[in-house]
Amino acid sequence: MQNAIATAGHFIGRLERGVDLLDALTERIRQAGVQLGRVEAIGAVEKARVGFYDQGSRVYRYLQFDRPLEILALKGNVSLKEGQPMLHAHVTFGDENGHAFGGHLAPGTVVFACEYILEGFAGGELHRGHDEATGLPLWAGKE
């Protein structure tokens, strides 16, 4: 992995400017061979897209921010969905006035600068499956 350091299931690195944040982190997860883990990141974006799950209608609603923002915190987990590693991440952004807002990290968030930490866990797998009570793809255990 370019721009990354790896030791014993721990990976730290940075993402290139202009890449999609969710796609690039997911690709790093695949390159590292992580199927169960966690991700953290800080940095800045050129624009952002976040989702909010509408519990009543069971669909994601998306907000688009077409301006530079700081990544105050990004936290996520890695598990398997349909046999492939999936990153589920929430992110908090800050604007030039010190206002913070965020949600579910969605495609369409473009990196200005990003440093990440990826930690892979050994000893098991978690798989995502449809949860009837919420309508979400939640951890269902081993397949």
N, C-alpha and C. Protein backbone atom coordinates (compact mmCIF):
# COMPACT_ATOMS: atom_id res chain seq x y z
N MET A 1 0.85 -1.18 0.00
CA MET A 1 0.00 0.00 0.00
C MET A 1 0.89 1.24 0.00
N GLN A 2 0.69 2.08 -0.95
CA GLN A 2 1.44 3.32 -1.02
C GLN A 2 1.01 4.23 0.12
N ASN A 3 1.97 4.98 0.68
CA ASN A 3 1.70 5.92 1.77
C ASN A 3 1.12 5.24 3.00
N ALA A 4 1.65 4.04 3.34
CA ALA A 4 1.13 3.32 4.50
C ALA A 4 2.26 2.56 5.19
N ILE A 5 2.09 2.35 6.48
CA ILE A 5 3.01 1.53 7.28
C ILE A 5 2.17 0.46 7.95
N ALA A 6 2.66 -0.79 7.96
CA ALA A 6 1.89 -1.88 8.54
C ALA A 6 2.74 -2.64 9.54
N THR A 7 2.14 -2.99 10.69
CA THR A 7 2.77 -3.87 11.66
C THR A 7 1.68 -4.63 12.40
N ALA A 8 1.79 -5.94 12.42
CA ALA A 8 0.93 -6.81 13.24
C ALA A 8 -0.54 -6.42 13.26
N GLY A 9 -1.15 -6.24 12.09
CA GLY A 9 -2.57 -5.93 12.05
C GLY A 9 -2.91 -4.48 12.22
N HIS A 10 -1.89 -3.62 12.32
CA HIS A 10 -2.11 -2.19 12.45
C HIS A 10 -1.54 -1.51 11.21
N PHE A 11 -2.31 -0.61 10.62
CA PHE A 11 -1.90 0.09 9.42
C PHE A 11 -2.16 1.58 9.62
N ILE A 12 -1.18 2.40 9.30
CA ILE A 12 -1.38 3.84 9.33
C ILE A 12 -0.91 4.40 8.00
N GLY A 13 -1.58 5.42 7.54
CA GLY A 13 -1.18 6.00 6.27
C GLY A 13 -1.99 7.22 5.95
N ARG A 14 -1.83 7.67 4.72
CA ARG A 14 -2.59 8.83 4.27
C ARG A 14 -3.20 8.54 2.90
N LEU A 15 -4.26 9.25 2.63
CA LEU A 15 -4.92 9.13 1.34
C LEU A 15 -4.54 10.31 0.45
N GLU A 16 -4.56 10.09 -0.83
CA GLU A 16 -4.21 11.12 -1.79
C GLU A 16 -5.34 12.12 -1.95
N ARG A 17 -4.96 13.34 -2.25
CA ARG A 17 -5.95 14.39 -2.51
C ARG A 17 -6.79 14.02 -3.74
N GLY A 18 -8.09 14.30 -3.65
CA GLY A 18 -8.99 14.10 -4.78
C GLY A 18 -9.70 12.77 -4.82
N VAL A 19 -9.32 11.82 -3.95
CA VAL A 19 -9.99 10.52 -3.96
C VAL A 19 -11.27 10.58 -3.13
N ASP A 20 -12.18 9.66 -3.40
CA ASP A 20 -13.39 9.53 -2.61
C ASP A 20 -13.02 8.89 -1.27
N LEU A 21 -13.37 9.51 -0.17
CA LEU A 21 -12.95 9.06 1.15
C LEU A 21 -13.41 7.64 1.45
N LEU A 22 -14.68 7.34 1.24
CA LEU A 22 -15.21 6.01 1.54
C LEU A 22 -14.58 4.95 0.63
N ASP A 23 -14.50 5.24 -0.66
CA ASP A 23 -13.91 4.28 -1.60
C ASP A 23 -12.44 4.02 -1.30
N ALA A 24 -11.69 5.07 -1.02
CA ALA A 24 -10.25 4.92 -0.77
C ALA A 24 -9.98 4.15 0.51
N LEU A 25 -10.73 4.43 1.58
CA LEU A 25 -10.55 3.67 2.82
C LEU A 25 -10.93 2.21 2.62
N THR A 26 -12.01 1.97 1.88
CA THR A 26 -12.43 0.59 1.60
C THR A 26 -11.36 -0.15 0.81
N GLU A 27 -10.74 0.51 -0.14
CA GLU A 27 -9.66 -0.11 -0.92
C GLU A 27 -8.46 -0.43 -0.04
N ARG A 28 -8.11 0.46 0.88
CA ARG A 28 -7.00 0.18 1.81
C ARG A 28 -7.32 -1.03 2.69
N ILE A 29 -8.56 -1.14 3.11
CA ILE A 29 -9.00 -2.28 3.92
C ILE A 29 -8.82 -3.57 3.12
N ARG A 30 -9.23 -3.57 1.87
CA ARG A 30 -9.08 -4.75 1.02
C ARG A 30 -7.61 -5.09 0.79
N GLN A 31 -6.79 -4.07 0.50
CA GLN A 31 -5.36 -4.28 0.28
C GLN A 31 -4.69 -4.88 1.51
N ALA A 32 -5.14 -4.47 2.68
CA ALA A 32 -4.56 -4.96 3.93
C ALA A 32 -5.09 -6.34 4.31
N GLY A 33 -6.13 -6.80 3.63
CA GLY A 33 -6.71 -8.10 3.93
C GLY A 33 -7.51 -8.12 5.23
N VAL A 34 -7.98 -6.97 5.67
CA VAL A 34 -8.74 -6.88 6.92
C VAL A 34 -10.20 -7.25 6.65
N GLN A 35 -10.71 -8.19 7.44
CA GLN A 35 -12.12 -8.59 7.34
C GLN A 35 -12.90 -8.23 8.59
N LEU A 36 -12.17 -7.90 9.65
CA LEU A 36 -12.78 -7.49 10.91
C LEU A 36 -11.84 -6.47 11.53
N GLY A 37 -12.37 -5.27 11.82
CA GLY A 37 -11.47 -4.26 12.36
C GLY A 37 -12.16 -2.95 12.63
N ARG A 38 -11.31 -1.93 12.82
CA ARG A 38 -11.82 -0.58 13.06
C ARG A 38 -10.95 0.42 12.33
N VAL A 39 -11.51 1.60 12.07
CA VAL A 39 -10.85 2.65 11.33
C VAL A 39 -11.07 3.98 12.04
N GLU A 40 -10.03 4.80 12.07
CA GLU A 40 -10.13 6.18 12.54
C GLU A 40 -9.41 7.05 11.52
N ALA A 41 -9.84 8.30 11.40
CA ALA A 41 -9.18 9.21 10.47
C ALA A 41 -9.42 10.66 10.88
N ILE A 42 -8.47 11.52 10.47
CA ILE A 42 -8.58 12.96 10.61
C ILE A 42 -8.08 13.58 9.31
N GLY A 43 -8.36 14.86 9.11
CA GLY A 43 -7.87 15.53 7.92
C GLY A 43 -8.83 16.61 7.47
N ALA A 44 -9.00 16.71 6.15
CA ALA A 44 -9.87 17.72 5.57
C ALA A 44 -10.43 17.20 4.25
N VAL A 45 -11.58 17.75 3.87
CA VAL A 45 -12.20 17.36 2.60
C VAL A 45 -12.51 18.61 1.78
N GLU A 46 -12.59 18.42 0.47
CA GLU A 46 -12.97 19.50 -0.43
C GLU A 46 -14.48 19.67 -0.47
N LYS A 47 -15.19 18.54 -0.30
CA LYS A 47 -16.65 18.55 -0.19
C LYS A 47 -17.05 17.26 0.52
N ALA A 48 -18.27 17.24 1.05
CA ALA A 48 -18.68 16.10 1.84
C ALA A 48 -20.12 15.70 1.55
N ARG A 49 -20.39 14.43 1.78
CA ARG A 49 -21.75 13.89 1.68
C ARG A 49 -21.94 12.93 2.85
N VAL A 50 -22.98 13.17 3.63
CA VAL A 50 -23.27 12.32 4.79
C VAL A 50 -24.73 11.90 4.77
N GLY A 51 -24.99 10.77 5.40
CA GLY A 51 -26.34 10.25 5.46
C GLY A 51 -26.87 10.20 6.88
N PHE A 52 -28.19 10.24 6.95
CA PHE A 52 -28.92 10.09 8.20
C PHE A 52 -30.01 9.07 7.94
N TYR A 53 -30.08 8.03 8.76
CA TYR A 53 -31.07 6.98 8.55
C TYR A 53 -32.40 7.41 9.13
N ASP A 54 -33.39 7.55 8.28
CA ASP A 54 -34.75 7.89 8.69
C ASP A 54 -35.41 6.61 9.19
N GLN A 55 -35.56 6.52 10.50
CA GLN A 55 -36.06 5.29 11.11
C GLN A 55 -37.50 4.99 10.73
N GLY A 56 -38.30 6.01 10.48
CA GLY A 56 -39.69 5.80 10.11
C GLY A 56 -39.84 5.22 8.71
N SER A 57 -39.16 5.81 7.75
CA SER A 57 -39.29 5.34 6.37
C SER A 57 -38.24 4.30 6.00
N ARG A 58 -37.27 4.08 6.89
CA ARG A 58 -36.20 3.09 6.69
C ARG A 58 -35.38 3.34 5.41
N VAL A 59 -35.07 4.59 5.18
CA VAL A 59 -34.19 4.96 4.07
C VAL A 59 -33.19 6.01 4.57
N TYR A 60 -32.05 6.06 3.90
CA TYR A 60 -31.07 7.09 4.22
C TYR A 60 -31.44 8.38 3.51
N ARG A 61 -31.33 9.48 4.22
CA ARG A 61 -31.45 10.83 3.67
C ARG A 61 -30.03 11.39 3.64
N TYR A 62 -29.68 12.08 2.57
CA TYR A 62 -28.31 12.56 2.40
C TYR A 62 -28.24 14.07 2.37
N LEU A 63 -27.15 14.58 2.95
CA LEU A 63 -26.83 16.00 2.93
C LEU A 63 -25.53 16.17 2.17
N GLN A 64 -25.49 17.18 1.31
CA GLN A 64 -24.30 17.48 0.52
C GLN A 64 -23.73 18.82 0.98
N PHE A 65 -22.44 18.87 1.23
CA PHE A 65 -21.75 20.10 1.62
C PHE A 65 -20.67 20.37 0.59
N ASP A 66 -20.90 21.33 -0.28
CA ASP A 66 -19.97 21.63 -1.37
C ASP A 66 -19.02 22.75 -0.97
N ARG A 67 -18.24 22.48 0.08
CA ARG A 67 -17.25 23.45 0.55
C ARG A 67 -16.19 22.73 1.38
N PRO A 68 -15.04 23.34 1.56
CA PRO A 68 -13.98 22.72 2.36
C PRO A 68 -14.41 22.58 3.83
N LEU A 69 -14.07 21.43 4.40
CA LEU A 69 -14.39 21.13 5.80
C LEU A 69 -13.24 20.35 6.42
N GLU A 70 -13.11 20.45 7.73
CA GLU A 70 -12.16 19.64 8.48
C GLU A 70 -12.83 18.32 8.88
N ILE A 71 -12.08 17.23 8.84
CA ILE A 71 -12.55 15.97 9.42
C ILE A 71 -12.16 16.03 10.89
N LEU A 72 -13.12 16.28 11.75
CA LEU A 72 -12.85 16.34 13.19
C LEU A 72 -12.67 14.95 13.76
N ALA A 73 -13.45 14.01 13.26
CA ALA A 73 -13.34 12.62 13.71
C ALA A 73 -14.05 11.72 12.71
N LEU A 74 -13.43 10.61 12.41
CA LEU A 74 -14.06 9.56 11.62
C LEU A 74 -13.81 8.27 12.38
N LYS A 75 -14.87 7.56 12.67
CA LYS A 75 -14.77 6.27 13.36
C LYS A 75 -15.63 5.27 12.61
N GLY A 76 -15.09 4.08 12.45
CA GLY A 76 -15.85 3.08 11.74
C GLY A 76 -15.41 1.68 12.09
N ASN A 77 -16.17 0.72 11.59
CA ASN A 77 -15.82 -0.68 11.79
C ASN A 77 -15.83 -1.40 10.45
N VAL A 78 -15.14 -2.52 10.44
CA VAL A 78 -15.03 -3.35 9.24
C VAL A 78 -15.60 -4.73 9.57
N SER A 79 -16.47 -5.20 8.71
CA SER A 79 -16.99 -6.56 8.81
C SER A 79 -17.31 -7.02 7.40
N LEU A 80 -17.86 -8.20 7.28
CA LEU A 80 -18.15 -8.75 5.95
C LEU A 80 -19.62 -8.57 5.60
N LYS A 81 -19.86 -8.17 4.36
CA LYS A 81 -21.20 -8.10 3.82
C LYS A 81 -21.15 -8.78 2.46
N GLU A 82 -21.94 -9.82 2.32
CA GLU A 82 -21.95 -10.62 1.09
C GLU A 82 -20.54 -11.08 0.72
N GLY A 83 -19.77 -11.46 1.76
CA GLY A 83 -18.44 -12.02 1.57
C GLY A 83 -17.33 -11.02 1.32
N GLN A 84 -17.64 -9.73 1.29
CA GLN A 84 -16.64 -8.69 1.02
C GLN A 84 -16.50 -7.76 2.22
N PRO A 85 -15.27 -7.26 2.47
CA PRO A 85 -15.10 -6.30 3.57
C PRO A 85 -15.93 -5.04 3.32
N MET A 86 -16.61 -4.60 4.36
CA MET A 86 -17.44 -3.40 4.28
C MET A 86 -17.05 -2.45 5.41
N LEU A 87 -16.83 -1.20 5.06
CA LEU A 87 -16.56 -0.16 6.05
C LEU A 87 -17.88 0.54 6.38
N HIS A 88 -18.22 0.56 7.65
CA HIS A 88 -19.36 1.33 8.14
C HIS A 88 -18.76 2.43 9.01
N ALA A 89 -18.86 3.68 8.55
CA ALA A 89 -18.20 4.78 9.26
C ALA A 89 -19.13 5.96 9.47
N HIS A 90 -18.94 6.61 10.61
CA HIS A 90 -19.60 7.87 10.90
C HIS A 90 -18.51 8.93 10.96
N VAL A 91 -18.85 10.14 10.56
CA VAL A 91 -17.85 11.20 10.48
C VAL A 91 -18.44 12.50 11.00
N THR A 92 -17.58 13.27 11.68
CA THR A 92 -17.95 14.60 12.14
C THR A 92 -17.05 15.61 11.42
N PHE A 93 -17.68 16.61 10.81
CA PHE A 93 -16.96 17.66 10.10
C PHE A 93 -17.09 18.97 10.86
N GLY A 94 -16.13 19.86 10.63
CA GLY A 94 -16.19 21.21 11.18
C GLY A 94 -16.01 22.22 10.07
N ASP A 95 -16.71 23.35 10.18
CA ASP A 95 -16.59 24.39 9.16
C ASP A 95 -15.73 25.55 9.67
N GLU A 96 -15.62 26.59 8.84
CA GLU A 96 -14.76 27.73 9.15
C GLU A 96 -15.26 28.56 10.33
N ASN A 97 -16.49 28.33 10.75
CA ASN A 97 -17.05 29.04 11.90
C ASN A 97 -17.05 28.21 13.17
N GLY A 98 -16.45 27.03 13.11
CA GLY A 98 -16.38 26.17 14.28
C GLY A 98 -17.62 25.35 14.52
N HIS A 99 -18.53 25.31 13.54
CA HIS A 99 -19.73 24.49 13.67
C HIS A 99 -19.41 23.05 13.28
N ALA A 100 -19.95 22.12 14.02
CA ALA A 100 -19.72 20.70 13.75
C ALA A 100 -21.02 20.03 13.34
N PHE A 101 -20.89 19.08 12.42
CA PHE A 101 -22.04 18.31 11.96
C PHE A 101 -21.51 17.06 11.29
N GLY A 102 -22.37 16.09 11.13
CA GLY A 102 -21.89 14.86 10.52
C GLY A 102 -22.99 13.86 10.32
N GLY A 103 -22.57 12.61 10.14
CA GLY A 103 -23.49 11.52 9.91
C GLY A 103 -22.75 10.32 9.36
N HIS A 104 -23.48 9.50 8.67
CA HIS A 104 -22.97 8.28 8.06
C HIS A 104 -22.14 8.67 6.83
N LEU A 105 -20.86 8.28 6.78
CA LEU A 105 -20.00 8.61 5.65
C LEU A 105 -20.57 8.01 4.37
N ALA A 106 -20.74 8.86 3.35
CA ALA A 106 -21.34 8.42 2.10
C ALA A 106 -20.39 8.69 0.93
N PRO A 107 -20.55 7.94 -0.16
CA PRO A 107 -19.77 8.26 -1.36
C PRO A 107 -20.03 9.71 -1.78
N GLY A 108 -19.00 10.34 -2.33
CA GLY A 108 -19.13 11.73 -2.73
C GLY A 108 -18.38 12.68 -1.83
N THR A 109 -17.68 12.16 -0.83
CA THR A 109 -16.84 12.96 0.05
C THR A 109 -15.43 12.93 -0.53
N VAL A 110 -14.92 14.09 -0.95
CA VAL A 110 -13.65 14.18 -1.66
C VAL A 110 -12.54 14.66 -0.74
N VAL A 111 -11.47 13.88 -0.65
CA VAL A 111 -10.35 14.13 0.25
C VAL A 111 -9.52 15.33 -0.21
N PHE A 112 -9.19 16.20 0.74
CA PHE A 112 -8.15 17.21 0.57
C PHE A 112 -6.87 16.66 1.17
N ALA A 113 -6.96 16.20 2.42
CA ALA A 113 -5.85 15.54 3.11
C ALA A 113 -6.46 14.60 4.13
N CYS A 114 -5.91 13.40 4.27
CA CYS A 114 -6.48 12.45 5.23
C CYS A 114 -5.42 11.50 5.74
N GLU A 115 -5.34 11.39 7.06
CA GLU A 115 -4.47 10.42 7.72
C GLU A 115 -5.37 9.44 8.46
N TYR A 116 -5.08 8.15 8.31
CA TYR A 116 -5.97 7.14 8.88
C TYR A 116 -5.17 6.11 9.69
N ILE A 117 -5.90 5.44 10.55
CA ILE A 117 -5.40 4.28 11.30
C ILE A 117 -6.40 3.16 11.07
N LEU A 118 -5.90 2.02 10.66
CA LEU A 118 -6.71 0.82 10.42
C LEU A 118 -6.17 -0.27 11.33
N GLU A 119 -7.04 -0.86 12.11
CA GLU A 119 -6.64 -1.95 13.00
C GLU A 119 -7.45 -3.18 12.65
N GLY A 120 -6.74 -4.25 12.27
CA GLY A 120 -7.39 -5.51 11.97
C GLY A 120 -7.42 -6.41 13.19
N PHE A 121 -8.52 -7.11 13.39
CA PHE A 121 -8.67 -8.04 14.50
C PHE A 121 -8.59 -9.46 13.99
N ALA A 122 -8.01 -10.34 14.78
CA ALA A 122 -7.91 -11.75 14.44
C ALA A 122 -8.88 -12.56 15.29
N GLY A 123 -9.15 -13.79 14.87
CA GLY A 123 -9.90 -14.70 15.71
C GLY A 123 -11.37 -14.82 15.41
N GLY A 124 -11.83 -14.28 14.31
CA GLY A 124 -13.25 -14.44 13.99
C GLY A 124 -13.69 -13.52 12.89
N GLU A 125 -14.94 -13.65 12.55
CA GLU A 125 -15.55 -12.82 11.51
C GLU A 125 -16.92 -12.38 11.99
N LEU A 126 -17.31 -11.21 11.57
CA LEU A 126 -18.67 -10.74 11.75
C LEU A 126 -19.23 -10.49 10.36
N HIS A 127 -20.45 -10.95 10.15
CA HIS A 127 -21.10 -10.78 8.86
C HIS A 127 -22.32 -9.90 9.04
N ARG A 128 -22.59 -9.08 8.03
CA ARG A 128 -23.76 -8.23 8.05
C ARG A 128 -24.91 -8.92 7.32
N GLY A 129 -26.05 -8.83 7.94
CA GLY A 129 -27.26 -9.38 7.34
C GLY A 129 -28.43 -8.47 7.62
N HIS A 130 -29.49 -8.63 6.87
CA HIS A 130 -30.66 -7.78 7.04
C HIS A 130 -31.30 -8.00 8.41
N ASP A 131 -31.49 -6.91 9.14
CA ASP A 131 -32.16 -6.94 10.44
C ASP A 131 -33.59 -6.47 10.23
N GLU A 132 -34.53 -7.35 10.44
CA GLU A 132 -35.94 -7.05 10.18
C GLU A 132 -36.46 -5.91 11.07
N ALA A 133 -36.01 -5.84 12.31
CA ALA A 133 -36.52 -4.84 13.25
C ALA A 133 -36.15 -3.41 12.87
N THR A 134 -34.98 -3.23 12.20
CA THR A 134 -34.52 -1.89 11.86
C THR A 134 -34.47 -1.61 10.36
N GLY A 135 -34.42 -2.67 9.55
CA GLY A 135 -34.25 -2.51 8.12
C GLY A 135 -32.81 -2.29 7.70
N LEU A 136 -31.88 -2.42 8.65
CA LEU A 136 -30.47 -2.16 8.38
C LEU A 136 -29.67 -3.45 8.21
N PRO A 137 -28.52 -3.36 7.52
CA PRO A 137 -27.62 -4.52 7.44
C PRO A 137 -26.71 -4.54 8.69
N LEU A 138 -27.14 -5.21 9.74
CA LEU A 138 -26.41 -5.23 11.01
C LEU A 138 -25.63 -6.51 11.19
N TRP A 139 -24.74 -6.52 12.17
CA TRP A 139 -23.97 -7.72 12.46
C TRP A 139 -24.90 -8.86 12.82
N ALA A 140 -24.71 -9.96 12.12
CA ALA A 140 -25.56 -11.13 12.32
C ALA A 140 -24.75 -12.30 12.83
N GLY A 141 -23.45 -12.14 13.01
CA GLY A 141 -22.59 -13.23 13.45
C GLY A 141 -21.96 -13.93 12.25
N LYS A 142 -21.52 -15.16 12.47
CA LYS A 142 -20.86 -15.91 11.41
C LYS A 142 -21.88 -16.46 10.44
N GLU A 143 -21.47 -16.54 9.16
CA GLU A 143 -22.33 -17.15 8.15
C GLU A 143 -22.19 -18.64 8.16
